[in-house]
Amino acid sequence: MIRQLDLKHIDQAVRLFREVVEDMQKRGIDQWDEVYPALADITDDLHKGWGFGYFDGNTLIGYVALNEESDPEYETGNWQYTEGRPLYFHRLAVRPAFQSKGIAGSLIRFAEKYALETGYASIRLDAFPPNTAAVAMYEKRGYSRAGYVTFRKGRFVLLEKALYST
């Protein structure tokens, strides 16, 4: 079940990200670390109502943040879908023990449905190219490349998907 998170979920969210970061580092994916996502990022998500969680009973096993905010670097993107408002997708994470079970796909479908229901025309995000499984997952679901940006950890691919017919 996916539902909006609030500050009472902070401990579970922090544990989820710690597990994901540790697993990514073991697999040689140096995308996230102790700097990002930081406690402040997660707290901000939950405080502002941007965090959504996938639960197994009362246990948070998946996370995504949805909002209208993007990093300034996104302005260099070669965005194809410029009509209407874009929704930005951040910090998709699934606990390692629950990966490869369709949970990330469920969170993506949720984000797309949420975007459509709340009046957004497209979804934009970035992904770390060495995390080939993540990039492939987005592309398989119809997200197209819109350029690259450079963040602290290196080069990231920008991806987008229209949620309307042009």
C-alpha atoms as a PDB file:
ATOM      1  CA  MET A   1       0.000   0.000   0.000  1.00  0.00           C
ATOM      2  CA  ILE A   2       1.290   3.472  -0.909  1.00  0.00           C
ATOM      3  CA  ARG A   3       0.442   6.463   1.229  1.00  0.00           C
ATOM      4  CA  GLN A   4       1.662   9.937   2.030  1.00  0.00           C
ATOM      5  CA  LEU A   5       4.264  10.064   4.773  1.00  0.00           C
ATOM      6  CA  ASP A   6       4.580  12.489   7.643  1.00  0.00           C
ATOM      7  CA  LEU A   7       7.162  13.223  10.316  1.00  0.00           C
ATOM      8  CA  LYS A   8       6.171  10.163  12.372  1.00  0.00           C
ATOM      9  CA  HIS A   9       7.778   8.087   9.581  1.00  0.00           C
ATOM     10  CA  ILE A  10      11.179   9.806   9.785  1.00  0.00           C
ATOM     11  CA  ASP A  11      12.968   6.969  11.606  1.00  0.00           C
ATOM     12  CA  GLN A  12      11.747   4.338   9.151  1.00  0.00           C
ATOM     13  CA  ALA A  13      12.660   6.544   6.184  1.00  0.00           C
ATOM     14  CA  VAL A  14      16.175   7.177   7.507  1.00  0.00           C
ATOM     15  CA  ARG A  15      16.695   3.427   8.069  1.00  0.00           C
ATOM     16  CA  LEU A  16      15.413   2.669   4.574  1.00  0.00           C
ATOM     17  CA  PHE A  17      17.903   5.093   2.998  1.00  0.00           C
ATOM     18  CA  ARG A  18      20.787   3.770   5.129  1.00  0.00           C
ATOM     19  CA  GLU A  19      20.060   0.239   3.918  1.00  0.00           C
ATOM     20  CA  VAL A  20      19.786   1.368   0.300  1.00  0.00           C
ATOM     21  CA  VAL A  21      23.022   3.407   0.437  1.00  0.00           C
ATOM     22  CA  GLU A  22      24.921   0.506   2.003  1.00  0.00           C
ATOM     23  CA  ASP A  23      23.590  -1.911  -0.631  1.00  0.00           C
ATOM     24  CA  MET A  24      24.413   0.448  -3.513  1.00  0.00           C
ATOM     25  CA  GLN A  25      27.947   0.936  -2.243  1.00  0.00           C
ATOM     26  CA  LYS A  26      28.442  -2.838  -1.917  1.00  0.00           C
ATOM     27  CA  ARG A  27      27.404  -3.133  -5.579  1.00  0.00           C
ATOM     28  CA  GLY A  28      29.840  -0.403  -6.625  1.00  0.00           C
ATOM     29  CA  ILE A  29      27.179   2.237  -7.297  1.00  0.00           C
ATOM     30  CA  ASP A  30      28.521   5.435  -5.761  1.00  0.00           C
ATOM     31  CA  GLN A  31      25.357   7.465  -6.194  1.00  0.00           C
ATOM     32  CA  TRP A  32      24.288   8.184  -2.619  1.00  0.00           C
ATOM     33  CA  ASP A  33      26.234   8.456   0.624  1.00  0.00           C
ATOM     34  CA  GLU A  34      26.204  10.137   4.049  1.00  0.00           C
ATOM     35  CA  VAL A  35      25.844  13.552   2.371  1.00  0.00           C
ATOM     36  CA  TYR A  36      22.822  12.756   0.181  1.00  0.00           C
ATOM     37  CA  PRO A  37      20.096  11.975   0.809  1.00  0.00           C
ATOM     38  CA  ALA A  38      20.586  13.758   4.121  1.00  0.00           C
ATOM     39  CA  LEU A  39      18.296  13.796   7.118  1.00  0.00           C
ATOM     40  CA  ALA A  40      17.393  17.381   6.147  1.00  0.00           C
ATOM     41  CA  ASP A  41      16.228  16.227   2.685  1.00  0.00           C
ATOM     42  CA  ILE A  42      14.026  13.506   4.134  1.00  0.00           C
ATOM     43  CA  THR A  43      12.687  15.745   6.909  1.00  0.00           C
ATOM     44  CA  ASP A  44      11.859  18.429   4.337  1.00  0.00           C
ATOM     45  CA  ASP A  45      10.016  15.868   2.183  1.00  0.00           C
ATOM     46  CA  LEU A  46       7.929  14.688   5.110  1.00  0.00           C
ATOM     47  CA  HIS A  47       7.297  18.140   6.553  1.00  0.00           C
ATOM     48  CA  LYS A  48       6.089  19.488   3.191  1.00  0.00           C
ATOM     49  CA  GLY A  49       3.978  16.449   2.302  1.00  0.00           C
ATOM     50  CA  TRP A  50       6.224  15.401  -0.598  1.00  0.00           C
ATOM     51  CA  GLY A  51       7.200  11.959   0.709  1.00  0.00           C
ATOM     52  CA  PHE A  52       5.224   8.860  -0.234  1.00  0.00           C
ATOM     53  CA  GLY A  53       5.861   5.387   1.073  1.00  0.00           C
ATOM     54  CA  TYR A  54       5.151   1.830   0.026  1.00  0.00           C
ATOM     55  CA  PHE A  55       4.306  -0.219   3.099  1.00  0.00           C
ATOM     56  CA  ASP A  56       4.328  -3.920   3.868  1.00  0.00           C
ATOM     57  CA  GLY A  57       2.012  -3.887   6.870  1.00  0.00           C
ATOM     58  CA  ASN A  58       3.449  -1.128   9.047  1.00  0.00           C
ATOM     59  CA  THR A  59       6.954  -1.393   7.594  1.00  0.00           C
ATOM     60  CA  LEU A  60       8.130   1.232   5.124  1.00  0.00           C
ATOM     61  CA  ILE A  61       9.832  -0.600   2.252  1.00  0.00           C
ATOM     62  CA  GLY A  62       9.720   1.955  -0.570  1.00  0.00           C
ATOM     63  CA  TYR A  63       9.992   5.725  -0.832  1.00  0.00           C
ATOM     64  CA  VAL A  64       9.573   8.483  -3.405  1.00  0.00           C
ATOM     65  CA  ALA A  65       9.376  12.268  -3.163  1.00  0.00           C
ATOM     66  CA  LEU A  66       7.139  14.192  -5.569  1.00  0.00           C
ATOM     67  CA  ASN A  67       7.157  17.962  -5.916  1.00  0.00           C
ATOM     68  CA  GLU A  68       7.521  20.942  -8.224  1.00  0.00           C
ATOM     69  CA  GLU A  69      11.141  21.616  -7.300  1.00  0.00           C
ATOM     70  CA  SER A  70      14.178  20.873  -9.417  1.00  0.00           C
ATOM     71  CA  ASP A  71      17.840  21.711  -9.177  1.00  0.00           C
ATOM     72  CA  PRO A  72      18.979  24.699 -11.255  1.00  0.00           C
ATOM     73  CA  GLU A  73      20.988  22.277 -13.410  1.00  0.00           C
ATOM     74  CA  TYR A  74      17.705  20.959 -14.834  1.00  0.00           C
ATOM     75  CA  GLU A  75      17.368  24.199 -16.791  1.00  0.00           C
ATOM     76  CA  THR A  76      20.011  22.884 -19.209  1.00  0.00           C
ATOM     77  CA  GLY A  77      17.795  19.906 -20.099  1.00  0.00           C
ATOM     78  CA  ASN A  78      16.571  19.388 -23.630  1.00  0.00           C
ATOM     79  CA  TRP A  79      12.994  18.931 -22.424  1.00  0.00           C
ATOM     80  CA  GLN A  80      10.565  17.857 -25.138  1.00  0.00           C
ATOM     81  CA  TYR A  81       7.404  18.223 -23.068  1.00  0.00           C
ATOM     82  CA  THR A  82       7.139  21.885 -22.171  1.00  0.00           C
ATOM     83  CA  GLU A  83       3.364  22.344 -22.202  1.00  0.00           C
ATOM     84  CA  GLY A  84       1.856  22.402 -18.727  1.00  0.00           C
ATOM     85  CA  ARG A  85       3.499  21.890 -15.351  1.00  0.00           C
ATOM     86  CA  PRO A  86       6.066  19.139 -14.764  1.00  0.00           C
ATOM     87  CA  LEU A  87       6.141  17.080 -11.580  1.00  0.00           C
ATOM     88  CA  TYR A  88       9.616  16.190 -10.320  1.00  0.00           C
ATOM     89  CA  PHE A  89      10.384  12.727  -9.020  1.00  0.00           C
ATOM     90  CA  HIS A  90      13.149  12.414  -6.377  1.00  0.00           C
ATOM     91  CA  ARG A  91      14.778   9.794  -4.160  1.00  0.00           C
ATOM     92  CA  LEU A  92      13.073   6.617  -5.346  1.00  0.00           C
ATOM     93  CA  ALA A  93      14.326   3.890  -3.020  1.00  0.00           C
ATOM     94  CA  VAL A  94      13.313   0.330  -2.146  1.00  0.00           C
ATOM     95  CA  ARG A  95      14.802  -1.654   0.731  1.00  0.00           C
ATOM     96  CA  PRO A  96      17.275  -4.193  -0.677  1.00  0.00           C
ATOM     97  CA  ALA A  97      15.376  -7.206   0.694  1.00  0.00           C
ATOM     98  CA  PHE A  98      12.311  -6.118  -1.317  1.00  0.00           C
ATOM     99  CA  GLN A  99      13.962  -5.155  -4.595  1.00  0.00           C
ATOM    100  CA  SER A 100      13.068  -6.934  -7.849  1.00  0.00           C
ATOM    101  CA  LYS A 101       9.497  -7.475  -6.635  1.00  0.00           C
ATOM    102  CA  GLY A 102       7.816  -4.694  -8.615  1.00  0.00           C
ATOM    103  CA  ILE A 103       7.752  -2.145  -5.795  1.00  0.00           C
ATOM    104  CA  ALA A 104       9.707   0.512  -7.700  1.00  0.00           C
ATOM    105  CA  GLY A 105       7.322   0.042 -10.622  1.00  0.00           C
ATOM    106  CA  SER A 106       4.369   0.480  -8.275  1.00  0.00           C
ATOM    107  CA  LEU A 107       5.857   3.715  -6.965  1.00  0.00           C
ATOM    108  CA  ILE A 108       6.395   4.974 -10.516  1.00  0.00           C
ATOM    109  CA  ARG A 109       2.810   4.114 -11.500  1.00  0.00           C
ATOM    110  CA  PHE A 110       1.611   5.839  -8.334  1.00  0.00           C
ATOM    111  CA  ALA A 111       3.635   8.962  -9.213  1.00  0.00           C
ATOM    112  CA  GLU A 112       2.199   9.032 -12.730  1.00  0.00           C
ATOM    113  CA  LYS A 113      -1.366   8.620 -11.483  1.00  0.00           C
ATOM    114  CA  TYR A 114      -0.814  11.236  -8.785  1.00  0.00           C
ATOM    115  CA  ALA A 115       0.603  13.636 -11.402  1.00  0.00           C
ATOM    116  CA  LEU A 116      -2.361  13.157 -13.728  1.00  0.00           C
ATOM    117  CA  GLU A 117      -4.897  13.546 -10.920  1.00  0.00           C
ATOM    118  CA  THR A 118      -3.264  16.748  -9.665  1.00  0.00           C
ATOM    119  CA  GLY A 119      -2.925  18.475 -13.038  1.00  0.00           C
ATOM    120  CA  TYR A 120       0.660  17.879 -14.089  1.00  0.00           C
ATOM    121  CA  ALA A 121       1.496  17.370 -17.762  1.00  0.00           C
ATOM    122  CA  SER A 122       4.794  15.490 -17.419  1.00  0.00           C
ATOM    123  CA  ILE A 123       7.249  13.934 -14.991  1.00  0.00           C
ATOM    124  CA  ARG A 124      10.938  14.809 -14.886  1.00  0.00           C
ATOM    125  CA  LEU A 125      13.757  13.134 -12.989  1.00  0.00           C
ATOM    126  CA  ASP A 126      17.444  12.352 -13.056  1.00  0.00           C
ATOM    127  CA  ALA A 127      19.178   8.994 -12.790  1.00  0.00           C
ATOM    128  CA  PHE A 128      22.791   7.945 -12.231  1.00  0.00           C
ATOM    129  CA  PRO A 129      24.060   6.143 -15.368  1.00  0.00           C
ATOM    130  CA  PRO A 130      26.228   3.615 -13.438  1.00  0.00           C
ATOM    131  CA  ASN A 131      22.954   2.492 -11.832  1.00  0.00           C
ATOM    132  CA  THR A 132      22.030   0.770 -15.094  1.00  0.00           C
ATOM    133  CA  ALA A 133      19.065  -1.062 -13.591  1.00  0.00           C
ATOM    134  CA  ALA A 134      17.424   2.220 -12.569  1.00  0.00           C
ATOM    135  CA  VAL A 135      17.996   3.881 -15.944  1.00  0.00           C
ATOM    136  CA  ALA A 136      16.651   0.814 -17.761  1.00  0.00           C
ATOM    137  CA  MET A 137      13.619   0.697 -15.472  1.00  0.00           C
ATOM    138  CA  TYR A 138      12.646   4.259 -16.349  1.00  0.00           C
ATOM    139  CA  GLU A 139      13.260   3.804 -20.067  1.00  0.00           C
ATOM    140  CA  LYS A 140      11.219   0.587 -20.076  1.00  0.00           C
ATOM    141  CA  ARG A 141       8.333   2.598 -18.634  1.00  0.00           C
ATOM    142  CA  GLY A 142       8.448   5.172 -21.428  1.00  0.00           C
ATOM    143  CA  TYR A 143      10.777   7.805 -20.013  1.00  0.00           C
ATOM    144  CA  SER A 144      13.010   9.432 -22.622  1.00  0.00           C
ATOM    145  CA  ARG A 145      16.386  11.070 -22.226  1.00  0.00           C
ATOM    146  CA  ALA A 146      16.512  14.856 -22.132  1.00  0.00           C
ATOM    147  CA  GLY A 147      20.229  15.453 -21.648  1.00  0.00           C
ATOM    148  CA  TYR A 148      22.722  15.285 -18.818  1.00  0.00           C
ATOM    149  CA  VAL A 149      23.568  17.315 -15.724  1.00  0.00           C
ATOM    150  CA  THR A 150      26.549  17.208 -13.406  1.00  0.00           C
ATOM    151  CA  PHE A 151      26.114  16.929  -9.658  1.00  0.00           C
ATOM    152  CA  ARG A 152      28.589  16.228  -6.855  1.00  0.00           C
ATOM    153  CA  LYS A 153      28.750  12.518  -7.744  1.00  0.00           C
ATOM    154  CA  GLY A 154      29.209  13.043 -11.472  1.00  0.00           C
ATOM    155  CA  ARG A 155      27.092  13.007 -14.587  1.00  0.00           C
ATOM    156  CA  PHE A 156      23.386  12.161 -14.337  1.00  0.00           C
ATOM    157  CA  VAL A 157      20.924  11.558 -17.163  1.00  0.00           C
ATOM    158  CA  LEU A 158      17.754  13.625 -17.282  1.00  0.00           C
ATOM    159  CA  LEU A 159      14.572  11.719 -18.106  1.00  0.00           C
ATOM    160  CA  GLU A 160      11.011  12.782 -18.796  1.00  0.00           C
ATOM    161  CA  LYS A 161       7.636  11.363 -19.670  1.00  0.00           C
ATOM    162  CA  ALA A 162       4.587  13.162 -21.012  1.00  0.00           C
ATOM    163  CA  LEU A 163       1.330  12.430 -19.247  1.00  0.00           C
ATOM    164  CA  TYR A 164      -0.874  13.953 -21.904  1.00  0.00           C
ATOM    165  CA  SER A 165      -1.336  13.696 -25.669  1.00  0.00           C
ATOM    166  CA  THR A 166       0.170  16.438 -27.781  1.00  0.00           C
END
